[in-house]
PDB file of all heavy atoms in Angstrom:
ATOM      1  N   ILE A   1      14.962  -4.281  16.763  1.00  0.00           N
ATOM      2  CA  ILE A   1      14.648  -2.858  16.874  1.00  0.00           C
ATOM      3  C   ILE A   1      14.850  -2.155  15.535  1.00  0.00           C
ATOM      4  O   ILE A   1      14.017  -1.361  15.092  1.00  0.00           O
ATOM      5  CB  ILE A   1      15.520  -2.189  17.958  1.00  0.00           C
ATOM      6  CG1 ILE A   1      15.173  -2.738  19.341  1.00  0.00           C
ATOM      7  CG2 ILE A   1      15.359  -0.673  17.919  1.00  0.00           C
ATOM      8  CD1 ILE A   1      13.741  -2.550  19.759  1.00  0.00           C
ATOM      9  N   ALA A   2      15.965  -2.460  14.866  1.00  0.00           N
ATOM     10  CA  ALA A   2      16.250  -1.857  13.565  1.00  0.00           C
ATOM     11  C   ALA A   2      15.142  -2.183  12.565  1.00  0.00           C
ATOM     12  O   ALA A   2      14.648  -1.300  11.848  1.00  0.00           O
ATOM     13  CB  ALA A   2      17.600  -2.351  13.043  1.00  0.00           C
ATOM     14  N   GLY A   3      14.740  -3.451  12.526  1.00  0.00           N
ATOM     15  CA  GLY A   3      13.680  -3.864  11.605  1.00  0.00           C
ATOM     16  C   GLY A   3      12.350  -3.214  11.918  1.00  0.00           C
ATOM     17  O   GLY A   3      11.589  -2.850  11.008  1.00  0.00           O
ATOM     18  N   SER A   4      12.062  -3.032  13.193  1.00  0.00           N
ATOM     19  CA  SER A   4      10.794  -2.414  13.599  1.00  0.00           C
ATOM     20  C   SER A   4      10.725  -0.956  13.154  1.00  0.00           C
ATOM     21  O   SER A   4       9.677  -0.479  12.720  1.00  0.00           O
ATOM     22  CB  SER A   4      10.633  -2.494  15.120  1.00  0.00           C
ATOM     23  OG  SER A   4      10.619  -3.840  15.553  1.00  0.00           O
ATOM     24  N   ILE A   5      11.840  -0.262  13.266  1.00  0.00           N
ATOM     25  CA  ILE A   5      11.876   1.145  12.848  1.00  0.00           C
ATOM     26  C   ILE A   5      11.692   1.258  11.345  1.00  0.00           C
ATOM     27  O   ILE A   5      10.964   2.131  10.851  1.00  0.00           O
ATOM     28  CB  ILE A   5      13.204   1.798  13.291  1.00  0.00           C
ATOM     29  CG1 ILE A   5      13.237   1.913  14.816  1.00  0.00           C
ATOM     30  CG2 ILE A   5      13.387   3.175  12.641  1.00  0.00           C
ATOM     31  CD1 ILE A   5      14.563   2.368  15.372  1.00  0.00           C
ATOM     32  N   VAL A   6      12.319   0.357  10.595  1.00  0.00           N
ATOM     33  CA  VAL A   6      12.237   0.397   9.132  1.00  0.00           C
ATOM     34  C   VAL A   6      10.803   0.171   8.658  1.00  0.00           C
ATOM     35  O   VAL A   6      10.353   0.786   7.672  1.00  0.00           O
ATOM     36  CB  VAL A   6      13.185  -0.661   8.525  1.00  0.00           C
ATOM     37  CG1 VAL A   6      12.906  -0.851   7.043  1.00  0.00           C
ATOM     38  CG2 VAL A   6      14.630  -0.245   8.733  1.00  0.00           C
ATOM     39  N   LYS A   7      10.062  -0.668   9.340  1.00  0.00           N
ATOM     40  CA  LYS A   7       8.680  -0.953   8.926  1.00  0.00           C
ATOM     41  C   LYS A   7       7.795   0.285   8.965  1.00  0.00           C
ATOM     42  O   LYS A   7       6.779   0.348   8.270  1.00  0.00           O
ATOM     43  CB  LYS A   7       8.086  -2.048   9.815  1.00  0.00           C
ATOM     44  CG  LYS A   7       8.649  -3.437   9.522  1.00  0.00           C
ATOM     45  CD  LYS A   7       8.012  -4.491  10.409  1.00  0.00           C
ATOM     46  CE  LYS A   7       8.576  -5.871  10.106  1.00  0.00           C
ATOM     47  NZ  LYS A   7       7.977  -6.923  10.971  1.00  0.00           N
ATOM     48  N   ILE A   8       8.183   1.281   9.763  1.00  0.00           N
ATOM     49  CA  ILE A   8       7.417   2.531   9.819  1.00  0.00           C
ATOM     50  C   ILE A   8       7.402   3.211   8.453  1.00  0.00           C
ATOM     51  O   ILE A   8       6.405   3.826   8.061  1.00  0.00           O
ATOM     52  CB  ILE A   8       8.010   3.471  10.886  1.00  0.00           C
ATOM     53  CG1 ILE A   8       7.880   2.844  12.279  1.00  0.00           C
ATOM     54  CG2 ILE A   8       7.342   4.839  10.859  1.00  0.00           C
ATOM     55  CD1 ILE A   8       8.599   3.606  13.374  1.00  0.00           C
ATOM     56  N   THR A   9       8.491   3.091   7.698  1.00  0.00           N
ATOM     57  CA  THR A   9       8.580   3.745   6.390  1.00  0.00           C
ATOM     58  C   THR A   9       7.654   3.108   5.367  1.00  0.00           C
ATOM     59  O   THR A   9       7.421   3.693   4.305  1.00  0.00           O
ATOM     60  CB  THR A   9      10.028   3.707   5.852  1.00  0.00           C
ATOM     61  OG1 THR A   9      10.429   2.342   5.624  1.00  0.00           O
ATOM     62  CG2 THR A   9      10.986   4.348   6.830  1.00  0.00           C
ATOM     63  N   TRP A  10       7.136   1.931   5.655  1.00  0.00           N
ATOM     64  CA  TRP A  10       6.225   1.249   4.731  1.00  0.00           C
ATOM     65  C   TRP A  10       4.765   1.560   5.025  1.00  0.00           C
ATOM     66  O   TRP A  10       3.877   1.068   4.325  1.00  0.00           O
ATOM     67  CB  TRP A  10       6.445  -0.260   4.796  1.00  0.00           C
ATOM     68  CG  TRP A  10       7.813  -0.688   4.383  1.00  0.00           C
ATOM     69  CD1 TRP A  10       8.696   0.003   3.609  1.00  0.00           C
ATOM     70  CD2 TRP A  10       8.477  -1.919   4.717  1.00  0.00           C
ATOM     71  NE1 TRP A  10       9.864  -0.712   3.442  1.00  0.00           N
ATOM     72  CE2 TRP A  10       9.763  -1.890   4.120  1.00  0.00           C
ATOM     73  CE3 TRP A  10       8.115  -3.037   5.476  1.00  0.00           C
ATOM     74  CZ2 TRP A  10      10.663  -2.939   4.243  1.00  0.00           C
ATOM     75  CZ3 TRP A  10       9.011  -4.081   5.597  1.00  0.00           C
ATOM     76  CH2 TRP A  10      10.272  -4.041   4.989  1.00  0.00           C
ATOM     77  N   PHE A  11       4.507   2.355   6.050  1.00  0.00           N
ATOM     78  CA  PHE A  11       3.125   2.607   6.469  1.00  0.00           C
ATOM     79  C   PHE A  11       2.308   3.231   5.352  1.00  0.00           C
ATOM     80  O   PHE A  11       1.194   2.796   5.045  1.00  0.00           O
ATOM     81  CB  PHE A  11       3.117   3.513   7.704  1.00  0.00           C
ATOM     82  CG  PHE A  11       1.736   3.892   8.166  1.00  0.00           C
ATOM     83  CD1 PHE A  11       0.993   3.028   8.945  1.00  0.00           C
ATOM     84  CD2 PHE A  11       1.180   5.123   7.808  1.00  0.00           C
ATOM     85  CE1 PHE A  11      -0.285   3.365   9.368  1.00  0.00           C
ATOM     86  CE2 PHE A  11      -0.096   5.470   8.228  1.00  0.00           C
ATOM     87  CZ  PHE A  11      -0.827   4.593   9.010  1.00  0.00           C
ATOM     88  N   PHE A  12       2.858   4.272   4.714  1.00  0.00           N
ATOM     89  CA  PHE A  12       2.108   4.991   3.677  1.00  0.00           C
ATOM     90  C   PHE A  12       1.816   4.101   2.483  1.00  0.00           C
ATOM     91  O   PHE A  12       0.682   4.034   2.000  1.00  0.00           O
ATOM     92  CB  PHE A  12       2.876   6.241   3.237  1.00  0.00           C
ATOM     93  CG  PHE A  12       2.206   6.988   2.112  1.00  0.00           C
ATOM     94  CD1 PHE A  12       1.109   7.791   2.365  1.00  0.00           C
ATOM     95  CD2 PHE A  12       2.671   6.869   0.807  1.00  0.00           C
ATOM     96  CE1 PHE A  12       0.484   8.480   1.321  1.00  0.00           C
ATOM     97  CE2 PHE A  12       2.051   7.543  -0.228  1.00  0.00           C
ATOM     98  CZ  PHE A  12       0.953   8.351   0.028  1.00  0.00           C
ATOM     99  N   VAL A  13       2.829   3.407   1.992  1.00  0.00           N
ATOM    100  CA  VAL A  13       2.632   2.598   0.788  1.00  0.00           C
ATOM    101  C   VAL A  13       1.724   1.401   1.058  1.00  0.00           C
ATOM    102  O   VAL A  13       0.930   1.006   0.202  1.00  0.00           O
ATOM    103  CB  VAL A  13       3.998   2.144   0.206  1.00  0.00           C
ATOM    104  CG1 VAL A  13       4.675   1.113   1.106  1.00  0.00           C
ATOM    105  CG2 VAL A  13       3.822   1.573  -1.196  1.00  0.00           C
ATOM    106  N   ASP A  14       1.803   0.818   2.259  1.00  0.00           N
ATOM    107  CA  ASP A  14       0.918  -0.297   2.604  1.00  0.00           C
ATOM    108  C   ASP A  14      -0.539   0.143   2.585  1.00  0.00           C
ATOM    109  O   ASP A  14      -1.407  -0.537   2.027  1.00  0.00           O
ATOM    110  CB  ASP A  14       1.275  -0.861   3.979  1.00  0.00           C
ATOM    111  CG  ASP A  14       2.472  -1.797   3.929  1.00  0.00           C
ATOM    112  OD1 ASP A  14       2.733  -2.361   2.858  1.00  0.00           O
ATOM    113  OD2 ASP A  14       3.145  -1.951   4.965  1.00  0.00           O
ATOM    114  N   ASN A  15      -0.810   1.273   3.201  1.00  0.00           N
ATOM    115  CA  ASN A  15      -2.185   1.762   3.265  1.00  0.00           C
ATOM    116  C   ASN A  15      -2.677   2.283   1.919  1.00  0.00           C
ATOM    117  O   ASN A  15      -3.843   2.091   1.565  1.00  0.00           O
ATOM    118  CB  ASN A  15      -2.308   2.855   4.335  1.00  0.00           C
ATOM    119  CG  ASN A  15      -2.257   2.292   5.736  1.00  0.00           C
ATOM    120  OD1 ASN A  15      -3.256   1.827   6.270  1.00  0.00           O
ATOM    121  ND2 ASN A  15      -1.081   2.312   6.346  1.00  0.00           N
ATOM    122  N   SER A  16      -1.783   2.912   1.167  1.00  0.00           N
ATOM    123  CA  SER A  16      -2.150   3.397  -0.167  1.00  0.00           C
ATOM    124  C   SER A  16      -2.489   2.232  -1.089  1.00  0.00           C
ATOM    125  O   SER A  16      -3.455   2.295  -1.859  1.00  0.00           O
ATOM    126  CB  SER A  16      -1.008   4.216  -0.771  1.00  0.00           C
ATOM    127  OG  SER A  16      -0.735   5.345   0.003  1.00  0.00           O
ATOM    128  N   GLY A  17      -1.688   1.169  -1.002  1.00  0.00           N
ATOM    129  CA  GLY A  17      -1.946  -0.004  -1.830  1.00  0.00           C
ATOM    130  C   GLY A  17      -3.306  -0.611  -1.553  1.00  0.00           C
ATOM    131  O   GLY A  17      -4.025  -1.034  -2.468  1.00  0.00           O
ATOM    132  N   THR A  18      -3.692  -0.652  -0.281  1.00  0.00           N
ATOM    133  CA  THR A  18      -5.000  -1.179   0.098  1.00  0.00           C
ATOM    134  C   THR A  18      -6.125  -0.306  -0.456  1.00  0.00           C
ATOM    135  O   THR A  18      -7.145  -0.810  -0.953  1.00  0.00           O
ATOM    136  CB  THR A  18      -5.124  -1.261   1.636  1.00  0.00           C
ATOM    137  OG1 THR A  18      -4.073  -2.093   2.138  1.00  0.00           O
ATOM    138  CG2 THR A  18      -6.456  -1.848   2.044  1.00  0.00           C
ATOM    139  N   VAL A  19      -5.924   1.013  -0.394  1.00  0.00           N
ATOM    140  CA  VAL A  19      -6.942   1.952  -0.876  1.00  0.00           C
ATOM    141  C   VAL A  19      -7.080   1.876  -2.392  1.00  0.00           C
ATOM    142  O   VAL A  19      -8.200   1.893  -2.932  1.00  0.00           O
ATOM    143  CB  VAL A  19      -6.586   3.395  -0.447  1.00  0.00           C
ATOM    144  CG1 VAL A  19      -7.499   4.408  -1.134  1.00  0.00           C
ATOM    145  CG2 VAL A  19      -6.685   3.532   1.055  1.00  0.00           C
ATOM    146  N   PHE A  20      -5.951   1.791  -3.104  1.00  0.00           N
ATOM    147  CA  PHE A  20      -5.973   1.852  -4.566  1.00  0.00           C
ATOM    148  C   PHE A  20      -6.239   0.514  -5.244  1.00  0.00           C
ATOM    149  O   PHE A  20      -6.499   0.483  -6.456  1.00  0.00           O
ATOM    150  CB  PHE A  20      -4.649   2.424  -5.095  1.00  0.00           C
ATOM    151  CG  PHE A  20      -4.475   3.884  -4.823  1.00  0.00           C
ATOM    152  CD1 PHE A  20      -3.309   4.366  -4.242  1.00  0.00           C
ATOM    153  CD2 PHE A  20      -5.474   4.790  -5.147  1.00  0.00           C
ATOM    154  CE1 PHE A  20      -3.148   5.712  -3.993  1.00  0.00           C
ATOM    155  CE2 PHE A  20      -5.324   6.140  -4.893  1.00  0.00           C
ATOM    156  CZ  PHE A  20      -4.160   6.606  -4.319  1.00  0.00           C
ATOM    157  N   PHE A  21      -6.191  -0.577  -4.496  1.00  0.00           N
ATOM    158  CA  PHE A  21      -6.390  -1.897  -5.101  1.00  0.00           C
ATOM    159  C   PHE A  21      -7.727  -1.992  -5.856  1.00  0.00           C
ATOM    160  O   PHE A  21      -7.747  -2.455  -7.007  1.00  0.00           O
ATOM    161  CB  PHE A  21      -6.289  -2.986  -4.034  1.00  0.00           C
ATOM    162  CG  PHE A  21      -6.404  -4.386  -4.573  1.00  0.00           C
ATOM    163  CD1 PHE A  21      -5.409  -4.928  -5.371  1.00  0.00           C
ATOM    164  CD2 PHE A  21      -7.524  -5.160  -4.300  1.00  0.00           C
ATOM    165  CE1 PHE A  21      -5.514  -6.223  -5.884  1.00  0.00           C
ATOM    166  CE2 PHE A  21      -7.642  -6.445  -4.800  1.00  0.00           C
ATOM    167  CZ  PHE A  21      -6.631  -6.968  -5.590  1.00  0.00           C
ATOM    168  N   PRO A  22      -8.856  -1.568  -5.264  1.00  0.00           N
ATOM    169  CA  PRO A  22     -10.121  -1.597  -6.029  1.00  0.00           C
ATOM    170  C   PRO A  22     -10.066  -0.725  -7.284  1.00  0.00           C
ATOM    171  O   PRO A  22     -10.690  -1.058  -8.301  1.00  0.00           O
ATOM    172  CB  PRO A  22     -11.151  -1.063  -5.030  1.00  0.00           C
ATOM    173  CG  PRO A  22     -10.549  -1.288  -3.690  1.00  0.00           C
ATOM    174  CD  PRO A  22      -9.075  -1.105  -3.880  1.00  0.00           C
ATOM    175  N   LYS A  23      -9.338   0.397  -7.194  1.00  0.00           N
ATOM    176  CA  LYS A  23      -9.197   1.281  -8.352  1.00  0.00           C
ATOM    177  C   LYS A  23      -8.431   0.579  -9.470  1.00  0.00           C
ATOM    178  O   LYS A  23      -8.784   0.712 -10.658  1.00  0.00           O
ATOM    179  CB  LYS A  23      -8.468   2.557  -7.927  1.00  0.00           C
ATOM    180  CG  LYS A  23      -8.277   3.586  -9.036  1.00  0.00           C
ATOM    181  CD  LYS A  23      -9.580   4.168  -9.498  1.00  0.00           C
ATOM    182  CE  LYS A  23      -9.365   5.291 -10.501  1.00  0.00           C
ATOM    183  NZ  LYS A  23     -10.637   5.826 -11.021  1.00  0.00           N
ATOM    184  N   PHE A  24      -7.403  -0.181  -9.119  1.00  0.00           N
ATOM    185  CA  PHE A  24      -6.651  -0.938 -10.115  1.00  0.00           C
ATOM    186  C   PHE A  24      -7.558  -1.949 -10.818  1.00  0.00           C
ATOM    187  O   PHE A  24      -7.492  -2.111 -12.042  1.00  0.00           O
ATOM    188  CB  PHE A  24      -5.477  -1.672  -9.461  1.00  0.00           C
ATOM    189  CG  PHE A  24      -4.368  -0.771  -8.973  1.00  0.00           C
ATOM    190  CD1 PHE A  24      -3.529  -1.182  -7.960  1.00  0.00           C
ATOM    191  CD2 PHE A  24      -4.167   0.475  -9.540  1.00  0.00           C
ATOM    192  CE1 PHE A  24      -2.506  -0.369  -7.505  1.00  0.00           C
ATOM    193  CE2 PHE A  24      -3.146   1.305  -9.099  1.00  0.00           C
ATOM    194  CZ  PHE A  24      -2.321   0.875  -8.074  1.00  0.00           C
ATOM    195  N   ILE A  25      -8.388  -2.631 -10.046  1.00  0.00           N
ATOM    196  CA  ILE A  25      -9.308  -3.617 -10.631  1.00  0.00           C
ATOM    197  C   ILE A  25     -10.287  -2.920 -11.577  1.00  0.00           C
ATOM    198  O   ILE A  25     -10.553  -3.401 -12.689  1.00  0.00           O
ATOM    199  CB  ILE A  25     -10.074  -4.362  -9.517  1.00  0.00           C
ATOM    200  CG1 ILE A  25      -9.106  -5.211  -8.692  1.00  0.00           C
ATOM    201  CG2 ILE A  25     -11.170  -5.245 -10.114  1.00  0.00           C
ATOM    202  CD1 ILE A  25      -9.748  -5.902  -7.506  1.00  0.00           C
ATOM    203  N   SER A  26     -10.813  -1.777 -11.147  1.00  0.00           N
ATOM    204  CA  SER A  26     -11.733  -1.007 -11.985  1.00  0.00           C
ATOM    205  C   SER A  26     -11.060  -0.567 -13.282  1.00  0.00           C
ATOM    206  O   SER A  26     -11.656  -0.647 -14.363  1.00  0.00           O
ATOM    207  CB  SER A  26     -12.238   0.209 -11.210  1.00  0.00           C
ATOM    208  OG  SER A  26     -13.039   1.030 -12.024  1.00  0.00           O
ATOM    209  N   ASN A  27      -9.816  -0.115 -13.178  1.00  0.00           N
ATOM    210  CA  ASN A  27      -9.086   0.309 -14.375  1.00  0.00           C
ATOM    211  C   ASN A  27      -8.838  -0.857 -15.321  1.00  0.00           C
ATOM    212  O   ASN A  27      -8.869  -0.686 -16.545  1.00  0.00           O
ATOM    213  CB  ASN A  27      -7.756   0.945 -13.980  1.00  0.00           C
ATOM    214  CG  ASN A  27      -7.933   2.318 -13.355  1.00  0.00           C
ATOM    215  OD1 ASN A  27      -8.941   2.982 -13.552  1.00  0.00           O
ATOM    216  ND2 ASN A  27      -6.946   2.752 -12.578  1.00  0.00           N
ATOM    217  N   ASN A  28      -8.585  -2.041 -14.757  1.00  0.00           N
ATOM    218  CA  ASN A  28      -8.389  -3.221 -15.595  1.00  0.00           C
ATOM    219  C   ASN A  28      -9.648  -3.529 -16.387  1.00  0.00           C
ATOM    220  O   ASN A  28      -9.590  -3.872 -17.578  1.00  0.00           O
ATOM    221  CB  ASN A  28      -8.024  -4.435 -14.734  1.00  0.00           C
ATOM    222  CG  ASN A  28      -6.641  -4.311 -14.131  1.00  0.00           C
ATOM    223  OD1 ASN A  28      -5.787  -3.599 -14.651  1.00  0.00           O
ATOM    224  ND2 ASN A  28      -6.414  -4.986 -13.020  1.00  0.00           N
ATOM    225  N   ASN A  29     -10.803  -3.420 -15.742  1.00  0.00           N
ATOM    226  CA  ASN A  29     -12.081  -3.694 -16.413  1.00  0.00           C
ATOM    227  C   ASN A  29     -12.361  -2.684 -17.523  1.00  0.00           C
ATOM    228  O   ASN A  29     -13.053  -2.989 -18.497  1.00  0.00           O
ATOM    229  CB  ASN A  29     -13.229  -3.672 -15.399  1.00  0.00           C
ATOM    230  CG  ASN A  29     -13.114  -4.800 -14.382  1.00  0.00           C
ATOM    231  OD1 ASN A  29     -12.543  -5.851 -14.678  1.00  0.00           O
ATOM    232  ND2 ASN A  29     -13.658  -4.600 -13.193  1.00  0.00           N
ATOM    233  N   LYS A  30     -11.821  -1.473 -17.353  1.00  0.00           N
ATOM    234  CA  LYS A  30     -12.020  -0.421 -18.354  1.00  0.00           C
ATOM    235  C   LYS A  30     -10.859  -0.340 -19.342  1.00  0.00           C
ATOM    236  O   LYS A  30     -10.822   0.561 -20.186  1.00  0.00           O
ATOM    237  CB  LYS A  30     -12.163   0.934 -17.650  1.00  0.00           C
ATOM    238  CG  LYS A  30     -13.371   1.036 -16.731  1.00  0.00           C
ATOM    239  CD  LYS A  30     -13.367   2.371 -15.990  1.00  0.00           C
ATOM    240  CE  LYS A  30     -14.505   2.463 -15.001  1.00  0.00           C
ATOM    241  NZ  LYS A  30     -14.453   3.727 -14.212  1.00  0.00           N
TER     242      LYS A  30
END
């Protein structure tokens, strides 16, 4: 239960990382 509650705090960063990953690749190319 404790671990399940803690995973909620990672929701934003997990989804942000997925969204920004293509942007990181684009920035690397530039």
